[in-house]
Amino acid sequence: MENTPLTSLDLARRCRELALDKKAEDVVLLDLRGVSDICDVFLICTGSAEPHLKAIAGSIETGLKELGHRPRGRDGVIASHWMVLDYNDVLIHIFRRDARSHYALEQLWGDAKRIA
């Protein structure tokens, strides 16, 4: 299947829906356009346990694959309590609560506009 044309914001919003379908908690979209050259949008969410992190990541990967989008990369091991899916202009961070508090990406990228 060919890539369904989506803006980075549309892609991030679809990722948000897919994460919420798997009961991800505290789902946040940060607009990094004009703040960073890394990507356009961060999606940050929390899972309750390692199987939950895997389920959220799997939901996003499967849902985007159906639209013809595959991650450029996938990083993090479940034991680290932090997984990252790289969709070029959208980076998805899936954390356990303790790791999310420790790394505090929302504070680190405090200049970014919160979309959701």
PDB file of N, CA and C in Angstrom:
ATOM      1  N   MET A   1       0.838  -1.170   0.000  1.00  0.00           N
ATOM      2  CA  MET A   1       0.000   0.000   0.000  1.00  0.00           C
ATOM      3  C   MET A   1       0.888   1.240   0.000  1.00  0.00           C
ATOM      4  N   GLU A   2       0.524   2.242  -0.765  1.00  0.00           N
ATOM      5  CA  GLU A   2       1.261   3.493  -0.804  1.00  0.00           C
ATOM      6  C   GLU A   2       0.969   4.311   0.440  1.00  0.00           C
ATOM      7  N   ASN A   3       1.914   5.197   0.746  1.00  0.00           N
ATOM      8  CA  ASN A   3       1.691   6.108   1.866  1.00  0.00           C
ATOM      9  C   ASN A   3       0.471   6.970   1.611  1.00  0.00           C
ATOM     10  N   THR A   4      -0.430   6.985   2.543  1.00  0.00           N
ATOM     11  CA  THR A   4      -1.547   7.915   2.501  1.00  0.00           C
ATOM     12  C   THR A   4      -0.975   9.271   2.876  1.00  0.00           C
ATOM     13  N   PRO A   5      -1.138  10.291   2.002  1.00  0.00           N
ATOM     14  CA  PRO A   5      -0.541  11.582   2.338  1.00  0.00           C
ATOM     15  C   PRO A   5      -1.164  12.185   3.602  1.00  0.00           C
ATOM     16  N   LEU A   6      -0.326  12.392   4.582  1.00  0.00           N
ATOM     17  CA  LEU A   6      -0.747  12.991   5.841  1.00  0.00           C
ATOM     18  C   LEU A   6       0.284  14.035   6.228  1.00  0.00           C
ATOM     19  N   THR A   7      -0.170  15.139   6.775  1.00  0.00           N
ATOM     20  CA  THR A   7       0.780  16.087   7.351  1.00  0.00           C
ATOM     21  C   THR A   7       1.338  15.463   8.621  1.00  0.00           C
ATOM     22  N   SER A   8       2.426  16.022   9.114  1.00  0.00           N
ATOM     23  CA  SER A   8       3.001  15.495  10.354  1.00  0.00           C
ATOM     24  C   SER A   8       2.002  15.614  11.500  1.00  0.00           C
ATOM     25  N   LEU A   9       1.223  16.673  11.508  1.00  0.00           N
ATOM     26  CA  LEU A   9       0.218  16.848  12.560  1.00  0.00           C
ATOM     27  C   LEU A   9      -0.898  15.813  12.434  1.00  0.00           C
ATOM     28  N   ASP A  10      -1.337  15.532  11.210  1.00  0.00           N
ATOM     29  CA  ASP A  10      -2.354  14.492  10.988  1.00  0.00           C
ATOM     30  C   ASP A  10      -1.832  13.128  11.431  1.00  0.00           C
ATOM     31  N   LEU A  11      -0.581  12.841  11.079  1.00  0.00           N
ATOM     32  CA  LEU A  11       0.022  11.569  11.461  1.00  0.00           C
ATOM     33  C   LEU A  11       0.103  11.460  12.983  1.00  0.00           C
ATOM     34  N   ALA A  12       0.506  12.531  13.645  1.00  0.00           N
ATOM     35  CA  ALA A  12       0.598  12.536  15.107  1.00  0.00           C
ATOM     36  C   ALA A  12      -0.775  12.329  15.740  1.00  0.00           C
ATOM     37  N   ARG A  13      -1.779  12.964  15.182  1.00  0.00           N
ATOM     38  CA  ARG A  13      -3.138  12.796  15.727  1.00  0.00           C
ATOM     39  C   ARG A  13      -3.627  11.364  15.547  1.00  0.00           C
ATOM     40  N   ARG A  14      -3.275  10.741  14.427  1.00  0.00           N
ATOM     41  CA  ARG A  14      -3.656   9.334  14.225  1.00  0.00           C
ATOM     42  C   ARG A  14      -2.921   8.448  15.231  1.00  0.00           C
ATOM     43  N   CYS A  15      -1.662   8.734  15.477  1.00  0.00           N
ATOM     44  CA  CYS A  15      -0.907   7.984  16.484  1.00  0.00           C
ATOM     45  C   CYS A  15      -1.556   8.138  17.856  1.00  0.00           C
ATOM     46  N   ARG A  16      -2.019   9.340  18.159  1.00  0.00           N
ATOM     47  CA  ARG A  16      -2.688   9.600  19.434  1.00  0.00           C
ATOM     48  C   ARG A  16      -3.936   8.726  19.570  1.00  0.00           C
ATOM     49  N   GLU A  17      -4.733   8.664  18.509  1.00  0.00           N
ATOM     50  CA  GLU A  17      -5.946   7.828  18.517  1.00  0.00           C
ATOM     51  C   GLU A  17      -5.588   6.369  18.753  1.00  0.00           C
ATOM     52  N   LEU A  18      -4.554   5.888  18.057  1.00  0.00           N
ATOM     53  CA  LEU A  18      -4.142   4.491  18.188  1.00  0.00           C
ATOM     54  C   LEU A  18      -3.625   4.191  19.593  1.00  0.00           C
ATOM     55  N   ALA A  19      -2.894   5.137  20.182  1.00  0.00           N
ATOM     56  CA  ALA A  19      -2.404   4.953  21.556  1.00  0.00           C
ATOM     57  C   ALA A  19      -3.581   4.926  22.529  1.00  0.00           C
ATOM     58  N   LEU A  20      -4.531   5.830  22.337  1.00  0.00           N
ATOM     59  CA  LEU A  20      -5.695   5.870  23.218  1.00  0.00           C
ATOM     60  C   LEU A  20      -6.553   4.611  23.083  1.00  0.00           C
ATOM     61  N   ASP A  21      -6.580   4.025  21.882  1.00  0.00           N
ATOM     62  CA  ASP A  21      -7.310   2.762  21.687  1.00  0.00           C
ATOM     63  C   ASP A  21      -6.767   1.660  22.588  1.00  0.00           C
ATOM     64  N   LYS A  22      -5.495   1.764  22.938  1.00  0.00           N
ATOM     65  CA  LYS A  22      -4.869   0.780  23.833  1.00  0.00           C
ATOM     66  C   LYS A  22      -4.756   1.303  25.261  1.00  0.00           C
ATOM     67  N   LYS A  23      -5.555   2.316  25.572  1.00  0.00           N
ATOM     68  CA  LYS A  23      -5.650   2.862  26.934  1.00  0.00           C
ATOM     69  C   LYS A  23      -4.361   3.509  27.426  1.00  0.00           C
ATOM     70  N   ALA A  24      -3.584   4.099  26.499  1.00  0.00           N
ATOM     71  CA  ALA A  24      -2.421   4.881  26.919  1.00  0.00           C
ATOM     72  C   ALA A  24      -2.910   6.030  27.798  1.00  0.00           C
ATOM     73  N   GLU A  25      -2.086   6.412  28.745  1.00  0.00           N
ATOM     74  CA  GLU A  25      -2.451   7.463  29.692  1.00  0.00           C
ATOM     75  C   GLU A  25      -1.640   8.722  29.417  1.00  0.00           C
ATOM     76  N   ASP A  26      -2.178   9.866  29.833  1.00  0.00           N
ATOM     77  CA  ASP A  26      -1.484  11.155  29.743  1.00  0.00           C
ATOM     78  C   ASP A  26      -0.865  11.376  28.355  1.00  0.00           C
ATOM     79  N   VAL A  27      -1.667  11.216  27.332  1.00  0.00           N
ATOM     80  CA  VAL A  27      -1.188  11.358  25.957  1.00  0.00           C
ATOM     81  C   VAL A  27      -1.070  12.844  25.625  1.00  0.00           C
ATOM     82  N   VAL A  28       0.135  13.244  25.212  1.00  0.00           N
ATOM     83  CA  VAL A  28       0.431  14.643  24.928  1.00  0.00           C
ATOM     84  C   VAL A  28       1.065  14.747  23.548  1.00  0.00           C
ATOM     85  N   LEU A  29       0.646  15.758  22.786  1.00  0.00           N
ATOM     86  CA  LEU A  29       1.304  16.099  21.528  1.00  0.00           C
ATOM     87  C   LEU A  29       1.987  17.441  21.722  1.00  0.00           C
ATOM     88  N   LEU A  30       3.285  17.492  21.393  1.00  0.00           N
ATOM     89  CA  LEU A  30       4.042  18.731  21.462  1.00  0.00           C
ATOM     90  C   LEU A  30       4.451  19.140  20.052  1.00  0.00           C
ATOM     91  N   ASP A  31       4.127  20.361  19.673  1.00  0.00           N
ATOM     92  CA  ASP A  31       4.468  20.910  18.364  1.00  0.00           C
ATOM     93  C   ASP A  31       5.876  21.490  18.441  1.00  0.00           C
ATOM     94  N   LEU A  32       6.827  20.846  17.801  1.00  0.00           N
ATOM     95  CA  LEU A  32       8.220  21.269  17.841  1.00  0.00           C
ATOM     96  C   LEU A  32       8.616  22.118  16.645  1.00  0.00           C
ATOM     97  N   ARG A  33       7.658  22.364  15.740  1.00  0.00           N
ATOM     98  CA  ARG A  33       7.978  23.182  14.569  1.00  0.00           C
ATOM     99  C   ARG A  33       8.396  24.572  15.043  1.00  0.00           C
ATOM    100  N   GLY A  34       9.531  25.029  14.555  1.00  0.00           N
ATOM    101  CA  GLY A  34      10.058  26.320  14.959  1.00  0.00           C
ATOM    102  C   GLY A  34      10.840  26.287  16.263  1.00  0.00           C
ATOM    103  N   VAL A  35      10.821  25.145  16.947  1.00  0.00           N
ATOM    104  CA  VAL A  35      11.547  24.993  18.210  1.00  0.00           C
ATOM    105  C   VAL A  35      12.762  24.098  18.017  1.00  0.00           C
ATOM    106  N   SER A  36      12.628  23.101  17.140  1.00  0.00           N
ATOM    107  CA  SER A  36      13.685  22.117  16.932  1.00  0.00           C
ATOM    108  C   SER A  36      13.680  21.620  15.496  1.00  0.00           C
ATOM    109  N   ASP A  37      14.841  21.193  15.036  1.00  0.00           N
ATOM    110  CA  ASP A  37      14.956  20.579  13.712  1.00  0.00           C
ATOM    111  C   ASP A  37      14.863  19.059  13.774  1.00  0.00           C
ATOM    112  N   ILE A  38      14.729  18.508  14.974  1.00  0.00           N
ATOM    113  CA  ILE A  38      14.678  17.055  15.143  1.00  0.00           C
ATOM    114  C   ILE A  38      13.469  16.470  14.434  1.00  0.00           C
ATOM    115  N   CYS A  39      12.315  17.032  14.688  1.00  0.00           N
ATOM    116  CA  CYS A  39      11.073  16.562  14.093  1.00  0.00           C
ATOM    117  C   CYS A  39      10.023  17.650  14.276  1.00  0.00           C
ATOM    118  N   ASP A  40       8.831  17.403  13.764  1.00  0.00           N
ATOM    119  CA  ASP A  40       7.740  18.377  13.895  1.00  0.00           C
ATOM    120  C   ASP A  40       6.926  18.184  15.169  1.00  0.00           C
ATOM    121  N   VAL A  41       6.704  16.918  15.545  1.00  0.00           N
ATOM    122  CA  VAL A  41       5.794  16.635  16.659  1.00  0.00           C
ATOM    123  C   VAL A  41       6.343  15.486  17.505  1.00  0.00           C
ATOM    124  N   PHE A  42       6.243  15.645  18.816  1.00  0.00           N
ATOM    125  CA  PHE A  42       6.459  14.557  19.769  1.00  0.00           C
ATOM    126  C   PHE A  42       5.087  14.096  20.237  1.00  0.00           C
ATOM    127  N   LEU A  43       4.885  12.790  20.266  1.00  0.00           N
ATOM    128  CA  LEU A  43       3.762  12.215  20.991  1.00  0.00           C
ATOM    129  C   LEU A  43       4.382  11.551  22.204  1.00  0.00           C
ATOM    130  N   ILE A  44       3.897  11.899  23.383  1.00  0.00           N
ATOM    131  CA  ILE A  44       4.403  11.322  24.629  1.00  0.00           C
ATOM    132  C   ILE A  44       3.220  10.688  25.348  1.00  0.00           C
ATOM    133  N   CYS A  45       3.395   9.435  25.755  1.00  0.00           N
ATOM    134  CA  CYS A  45       2.311   8.766  26.476  1.00  0.00           C
ATOM    135  C   CYS A  45       2.886   7.801  27.497  1.00  0.00           C
ATOM    136  N   THR A  46       2.001   7.341  28.363  1.00  0.00           N
ATOM    137  CA  THR A  46       2.395   6.459  29.457  1.00  0.00           C
ATOM    138  C   THR A  46       1.630   5.148  29.388  1.00  0.00           C
ATOM    139  N   GLY A  47       2.353   4.066  29.638  1.00  0.00           N
ATOM    140  CA  GLY A  47       1.757   2.750  29.791  1.00  0.00           C
ATOM    141  C   GLY A  47       2.002   2.257  31.209  1.00  0.00           C
ATOM    142  N   SER A  48       1.170   1.350  31.656  1.00  0.00           N
ATOM    143  CA  SER A  48       1.220   0.917  33.053  1.00  0.00           C
ATOM    144  C   SER A  48       2.266  -0.157  33.336  1.00  0.00           C
ATOM    145  N   ALA A  49       2.628  -0.946  32.344  1.00  0.00           N
ATOM    146  CA  ALA A  49       3.571  -2.045  32.528  1.00  0.00           C
ATOM    147  C   ALA A  49       4.170  -2.409  31.173  1.00  0.00           C
ATOM    148  N   GLU A  50       5.178  -3.259  31.182  1.00  0.00           N
ATOM    149  CA  GLU A  50       5.862  -3.614  29.950  1.00  0.00           C
ATOM    150  C   GLU A  50       4.912  -4.149  28.860  1.00  0.00           C
ATOM    151  N   PRO A  51       3.985  -5.065  29.193  1.00  0.00           N
ATOM    152  CA  PRO A  51       3.067  -5.524  28.141  1.00  0.00           C
ATOM    153  C   PRO A  51       2.201  -4.388  27.576  1.00  0.00           C
ATOM    154  N   HIS A  52       1.876  -3.429  28.423  1.00  0.00           N
ATOM    155  CA  HIS A  52       1.085  -2.285  27.974  1.00  0.00           C
ATOM    156  C   HIS A  52       1.897  -1.420  27.000  1.00  0.00           C
ATOM    157  N   LEU A  53       3.191  -1.206  27.293  1.00  0.00           N
ATOM    158  CA  LEU A  53       4.056  -0.456  26.378  1.00  0.00           C
ATOM    159  C   LEU A  53       4.093  -1.140  25.015  1.00  0.00           C
ATOM    160  N   LYS A  54       4.261  -2.458  25.023  1.00  0.00           N
ATOM    161  CA  LYS A  54       4.307  -3.216  23.768  1.00  0.00           C
ATOM    162  C   LYS A  54       2.990  -3.117  23.010  1.00  0.00           C
ATOM    163  N   ALA A  55       1.876  -3.160  23.724  1.00  0.00           N
ATOM    164  CA  ALA A  55       0.560  -3.078  23.084  1.00  0.00           C
ATOM    165  C   ALA A  55       0.351  -1.714  22.435  1.00  0.00           C
ATOM    166  N   ILE A  56       0.765  -0.659  23.110  1.00  0.00           N
ATOM    167  CA  ILE A  56       0.627   0.691  22.556  1.00  0.00           C
ATOM    168  C   ILE A  56       1.480   0.822  21.298  1.00  0.00           C
ATOM    169  N   ALA A  57       2.739   0.413  21.389  1.00  0.00           N
ATOM    170  CA  ALA A  57       3.639   0.484  20.230  1.00  0.00           C
ATOM    171  C   ALA A  57       3.101  -0.350  19.072  1.00  0.00           C
ATOM    172  N   GLY A  58       2.632  -1.548  19.369  1.00  0.00           N
ATOM    173  CA  GLY A  58       2.089  -2.423  18.333  1.00  0.00           C
ATOM    174  C   GLY A  58       0.868  -1.830  17.654  1.00  0.00           C
ATOM    175  N   SER A  59       0.009  -1.208  18.435  1.00  0.00           N
ATOM    176  CA  SER A  59      -1.187  -0.575  17.881  1.00  0.00           C
ATOM    177  C   SER A  59      -0.814   0.541  16.911  1.00  0.00           C
ATOM    178  N   ILE A  60       0.151   1.356  17.302  1.00  0.00           N
ATOM    179  CA  ILE A  60       0.586   2.461  16.438  1.00  0.00           C
ATOM    180  C   ILE A  60       1.233   1.918  15.168  1.00  0.00           C
ATOM    181  N   GLU A  61       2.129   0.958  15.314  1.00  0.00           N
ATOM    182  CA  GLU A  61       2.810   0.401  14.145  1.00  0.00           C
ATOM    183  C   GLU A  61       1.832  -0.260  13.179  1.00  0.00           C
ATOM    184  N   THR A  62       0.899  -1.040  13.703  1.00  0.00           N
ATOM    185  CA  THR A  62      -0.083  -1.717  12.854  1.00  0.00           C
ATOM    186  C   THR A  62      -1.009  -0.718  12.173  1.00  0.00           C
ATOM    187  N   GLY A  63      -1.496   0.250  12.936  1.00  0.00           N
ATOM    188  CA  GLY A  63      -2.410   1.240  12.369  1.00  0.00           C
ATOM    189  C   GLY A  63      -1.769   2.083  11.287  1.00  0.00           C
ATOM    190  N   LEU A  64      -0.509   2.457  11.479  1.00  0.00           N
ATOM    191  CA  LEU A  64       0.164   3.263  10.467  1.00  0.00           C
ATOM    192  C   LEU A  64       0.610   2.423   9.276  1.00  0.00           C
ATOM    193  N   LYS A  65       0.930   1.176   9.522  1.00  0.00           N
ATOM    194  CA  LYS A  65       1.299   0.276   8.422  1.00  0.00           C
ATOM    195  C   LYS A  65       0.128   0.128   7.455  1.00  0.00           C
ATOM    196  N   GLU A  66      -1.096   0.095   7.992  1.00  0.00           N
ATOM    197  CA  GLU A  66      -2.290   0.013   7.140  1.00  0.00           C
ATOM    198  C   GLU A  66      -2.427   1.236   6.240  1.00  0.00           C
ATOM    199  N   LEU A  67      -1.830   2.344   6.646  1.00  0.00           N
ATOM    200  CA  LEU A  67      -1.832   3.571   5.837  1.00  0.00           C
ATOM    201  C   LEU A  67      -0.580   3.679   4.969  1.00  0.00           C
ATOM    202  N   GLY A  68       0.282   2.660   5.037  1.00  0.00           N
ATOM    203  CA  GLY A  68       1.495   2.647   4.232  1.00  0.00           C
ATOM    204  C   GLY A  68       2.695   3.315   4.881  1.00  0.00           C
ATOM    205  N   HIS A  69       2.617   3.571   6.180  1.00  0.00           N
ATOM    206  CA  HIS A  69       3.722   4.221   6.890  1.00  0.00           C
ATOM    207  C   HIS A  69       4.425   3.207   7.785  1.00  0.00           C
ATOM    208  N   ARG A  70       5.734   3.146   7.638  1.00  0.00           N
ATOM    209  CA  ARG A  70       6.546   2.277   8.486  1.00  0.00           C
ATOM    210  C   ARG A  70       7.528   3.153   9.266  1.00  0.00           C
ATOM    211  N   PRO A  71       7.858   2.740  10.476  1.00  0.00           N
ATOM    212  CA  PRO A  71       8.801   3.562  11.250  1.00  0.00           C
ATOM    213  C   PRO A  71      10.191   3.535  10.627  1.00  0.00           C
ATOM    214  N   ARG A  72      10.847   4.667  10.679  1.00  0.00           N
ATOM    215  CA  ARG A  72      12.240   4.742  10.226  1.00  0.00           C
ATOM    216  C   ARG A  72      13.125   4.000  11.219  1.00  0.00           C
ATOM    217  N   GLY A  73      12.683   3.993  12.462  1.00  0.00           N
ATOM    218  CA  GLY A  73      13.430   3.300  13.496  1.00  0.00           C
ATOM    219  C   GLY A  73      12.566   3.046  14.709  1.00  0.00           C
ATOM    220  N   ARG A  74      13.039   2.114  15.513  1.00  0.00           N
ATOM    221  CA  ARG A  74      12.371   1.752  16.766  1.00  0.00           C
ATOM    222  C   ARG A  74      13.478   1.537  17.765  1.00  0.00           C
ATOM    223  N   ASP A  75      13.383   2.205  18.904  1.00  0.00           N
ATOM    224  CA  ASP A  75      14.471   2.119  19.864  1.00  0.00           C
ATOM    225  C   ASP A  75      13.907   1.906  21.263  1.00  0.00           C
ATOM    226  N   GLY A  76      14.756   1.418  22.124  1.00  0.00           N
ATOM    227  CA  GLY A  76      14.362   1.183  23.509  1.00  0.00           C
ATOM    228  C   GLY A  76      13.977  -0.263  23.709  1.00  0.00           C
ATOM    229  N   VAL A  77      14.348  -0.754  24.828  1.00  0.00           N
ATOM    230  CA  VAL A  77      13.947  -2.100  25.201  1.00  0.00           C
ATOM    231  C   VAL A  77      12.932  -1.979  26.316  1.00  0.00           C
ATOM    232  N   ILE A  78      12.068  -2.932  26.400  1.00  0.00           N
ATOM    233  CA  ILE A  78      10.995  -2.875  27.375  1.00  0.00           C
ATOM    234  C   ILE A  78      11.546  -2.659  28.782  1.00  0.00           C
ATOM    235  N   ALA A  79      12.669  -3.299  29.092  1.00  0.00           N
ATOM    236  CA  ALA A  79      13.242  -3.175  30.440  1.00  0.00           C
ATOM    237  C   ALA A  79      13.645  -1.741  30.763  1.00  0.00           C
ATOM    238  N   SER A  80      13.874  -0.907  29.736  1.00  0.00           N
ATOM    239  CA  SER A  80      14.264   0.483  29.987  1.00  0.00           C
ATOM    240  C   SER A  80      13.073   1.354  30.364  1.00  0.00           C
ATOM    241  N   HIS A  81      11.863   0.838  30.153  1.00  0.00           N
ATOM    242  CA  HIS A  81      10.626   1.551  30.452  1.00  0.00           C
ATOM    243  C   HIS A  81      10.407   2.753  29.541  1.00  0.00           C
ATOM    244  N   TRP A  82      11.083   2.763  28.369  1.00  0.00           N
ATOM    245  CA  TRP A  82      10.935   3.864  27.411  1.00  0.00           C
ATOM    246  C   TRP A  82      11.151   3.304  26.012  1.00  0.00           C
ATOM    247  N   MET A  83      10.166   3.470  25.175  1.00  0.00           N
ATOM    248  CA  MET A  83      10.272   3.051  23.782  1.00  0.00           C
ATOM    249  C   MET A  83      10.072   4.275  22.896  1.00  0.00           C
ATOM    250  N   VAL A  84      10.775   4.298  21.760  1.00  0.00           N
ATOM    251  CA  VAL A  84      10.640   5.393  20.805  1.00  0.00           C
ATOM    252  C   VAL A  84      10.371   4.806  19.431  1.00  0.00           C
ATOM    253  N   LEU A  85       9.342   5.330  18.774  1.00  0.00           N
ATOM    254  CA  LEU A  85       9.052   5.000  17.386  1.00  0.00           C
ATOM    255  C   LEU A  85       9.326   6.253  16.571  1.00  0.00           C
ATOM    256  N   ASP A  86      10.115   6.119  15.508  1.00  0.00           N
ATOM    257  CA  ASP A  86      10.533   7.265  14.697  1.00  0.00           C
ATOM    258  C   ASP A  86       9.833   7.217  13.342  1.00  0.00           C
ATOM    259  N   TYR A  87       8.911   8.130  13.147  1.00  0.00           N
ATOM    260  CA  TYR A  87       8.217   8.278  11.871  1.00  0.00           C
ATOM    261  C   TYR A  87       8.627   9.586  11.196  1.00  0.00           C
ATOM    262  N   ASN A  88       9.938   9.821  11.131  1.00  0.00           N
ATOM    263  CA  ASN A  88      10.535  11.002  10.520  1.00  0.00           C
ATOM    264  C   ASN A  88      10.120  12.283  11.231  1.00  0.00           C
ATOM    265  N   ASP A  89       8.999  12.863  10.857  1.00  0.00           N
ATOM    266  CA  ASP A  89       8.570  14.133  11.443  1.00  0.00           C
ATOM    267  C   ASP A  89       7.775  13.965  12.731  1.00  0.00           C
ATOM    268  N   VAL A  90       7.506  12.721  13.111  1.00  0.00           N
ATOM    269  CA  VAL A  90       6.770  12.433  14.348  1.00  0.00           C
ATOM    270  C   VAL A  90       7.565  11.393  15.145  1.00  0.00           C
ATOM    271  N   LEU A  91       7.920  11.758  16.371  1.00  0.00           N
ATOM    272  CA  LEU A  91       8.585  10.818  17.279  1.00  0.00           C
ATOM    273  C   LEU A  91       7.607  10.462  18.386  1.00  0.00           C
ATOM    274  N   ILE A  92       7.414   9.165  18.587  1.00  0.00           N
ATOM    275  CA  ILE A  92       6.495   8.676  19.607  1.00  0.00           C
ATOM    276  C   ILE A  92       7.310   8.136  20.769  1.00  0.00           C
ATOM    277  N   HIS A  93       7.072   8.683  21.963  1.00  0.00           N
ATOM    278  CA  HIS A  93       7.746   8.260  23.192  1.00  0.00           C
ATOM    279  C   HIS A  93       6.709   7.566  24.065  1.00  0.00           C
ATOM    280  N   ILE A  94       6.961   6.298  24.365  1.00  0.00           N
ATOM    281  CA  ILE A  94       6.051   5.512  25.199  1.00  0.00           C
ATOM    282  C   ILE A  94       6.815   5.150  26.471  1.00  0.00           C
ATOM    283  N   PHE A  95       6.343   5.646  27.598  1.00  0.00           N
ATOM    284  CA  PHE A  95       7.034   5.511  28.874  1.00  0.00           C
ATOM    285  C   PHE A  95       6.222   4.737  29.892  1.00  0.00           C
ATOM    286  N   ARG A  96       6.920   4.149  30.847  1.00  0.00           N
ATOM    287  CA  ARG A  96       6.316   3.810  32.136  1.00  0.00           C
ATOM    288  C   ARG A  96       6.324   5.099  32.935  1.00  0.00           C
ATOM    289  N   ARG A  97       5.424   5.234  33.881  1.00  0.00           N
ATOM    290  CA  ARG A  97       5.270   6.495  34.624  1.00  0.00           C
ATOM    291  C   ARG A  97       6.577   6.962  35.283  1.00  0.00           C
ATOM    292  N   ASP A  98       7.304   6.048  35.922  1.00  0.00           N
ATOM    293  CA  ASP A  98       8.536   6.446  36.612  1.00  0.00           C
ATOM    294  C   ASP A  98       9.584   6.985  35.639  1.00  0.00           C
ATOM    295  N   ALA A  99       9.714   6.360  34.483  1.00  0.00           N
ATOM    296  CA  ALA A  99      10.685   6.828  33.490  1.00  0.00           C
ATOM    297  C   ALA A  99      10.247   8.165  32.893  1.00  0.00           C
ATOM    298  N   ARG A 100       8.961   8.326  32.673  1.00  0.00           N
ATOM    299  CA  ARG A 100       8.468   9.590  32.128  1.00  0.00           C
ATOM    300  C   ARG A 100       8.755  10.737  33.093  1.00  0.00           C
ATOM    301  N   SER A 101       8.550  10.502  34.371  1.00  0.00           N
ATOM    302  CA  SER A 101       8.850  11.532  35.372  1.00  0.00           C
ATOM    303  C   SER A 101      10.345  11.842  35.407  1.00  0.00           C
ATOM    304  N   HIS A 102      11.150  10.806  35.294  1.00  0.00           N
ATOM    305  CA  HIS A 102      12.605  10.968  35.357  1.00  0.00           C
ATOM    306  C   HIS A 102      13.127  11.805  34.180  1.00  0.00           C
ATOM    307  N   TYR A 103      12.694  11.492  32.965  1.00  0.00           N
ATOM    308  CA  TYR A 103      13.215  12.179  31.785  1.00  0.00           C
ATOM    309  C   TYR A 103      12.506  13.511  31.498  1.00  0.00           C
ATOM    310  N   ALA A 104      11.296  13.667  31.956  1.00  0.00           N
ATOM    311  CA  ALA A 104      10.561  14.940  31.917  1.00  0.00           C
ATOM    312  C   ALA A 104      10.661  15.659  30.571  1.00  0.00           C
ATOM    313  N   LEU A 105      10.306  14.966  29.497  1.00  0.00           N
ATOM    314  CA  LEU A 105      10.400  15.573  28.170  1.00  0.00           C
ATOM    315  C   LEU A 105       9.533  16.818  28.014  1.00  0.00           C
ATOM    316  N   GLU A 106       8.379  16.834  28.653  1.00  0.00           N
ATOM    317  CA  GLU A 106       7.519  18.016  28.542  1.00  0.00           C
ATOM    318  C   GLU A 106       8.212  19.256  29.094  1.00  0.00           C
ATOM    319  N   GLN A 107       8.986  19.093  30.153  1.00  0.00           N
ATOM    320  CA  GLN A 107       9.718  20.222  30.711  1.00  0.00           C
ATOM    321  C   GLN A 107      10.952  20.543  29.869  1.00  0.00           C
ATOM    322  N   LEU A 108      11.624  19.504  29.409  1.00  0.00           N
ATOM    323  CA  LEU A 108      12.814  19.697  28.574  1.00  0.00           C
ATOM    324  C   LEU A 108      12.468  20.475  27.307  1.00  0.00           C
ATOM    325  N   TRP A 109      11.318  20.184  26.730  1.00  0.00           N
ATOM    326  CA  TRP A 109      10.848  20.858  25.519  1.00  0.00           C
ATOM    327  C   TRP A 109       9.741  21.849  25.885  1.00  0.00           C
ATOM    328  N   GLY A 110       9.954  22.589  26.948  1.00  0.00           N
ATOM    329  CA  GLY A 110       8.958  23.523  27.463  1.00  0.00           C
ATOM    330  C   GLY A 110       8.573  24.643  26.508  1.00  0.00           C
ATOM    331  N   ASP A 111       9.419  24.941  25.518  1.00  0.00           N
ATOM    332  CA  ASP A 111       9.097  25.983  24.538  1.00  0.00           C
ATOM    333  C   ASP A 111       8.118  25.493  23.479  1.00  0.00           C
ATOM    334  N   ALA A 112       7.907  24.195  23.411  1.00  0.00           N
ATOM    335  CA  ALA A 112       7.013  23.623  22.395  1.00  0.00           C
ATOM    336  C   ALA A 112       5.560  23.860  22.794  1.00  0.00           C
ATOM    337  N   LYS A 113       4.752  24.123  21.793  1.00  0.00           N
ATOM    338  CA  LYS A 113       3.307  24.312  22.020  1.00  0.00           C
ATOM    339  C   LYS A 113       2.659  22.946  22.242  1.00  0.00           C
ATOM    340  N   ARG A 114       1.841  22.863  23.266  1.00  0.00           N
ATOM    341  CA  ARG A 114       1.089  21.635  23.544  1.00  0.00           C
ATOM    342  C   ARG A 114      -0.143  21.628  22.658  1.00  0.00           C
ATOM    343  N   ILE A 115      -0.265  20.604  21.813  1.00  0.00           N
ATOM    344  CA  ILE A 115      -1.402  20.494  20.884  1.00  0.00           C
ATOM    345  C   ILE A 115      -2.549  19.767  21.551  1.00  0.00           C
ATOM    346  N   ALA A 116      -2.236  18.702  22.263  1.00  0.00           N
ATOM    347  CA  ALA A 116      -3.268  17.905  22.939  1.00  0.00           C
ATOM    348  C   ALA A 116      -2.681  17.286  24.175  1.00  0.00           C
TER     349      ALA A 116
END
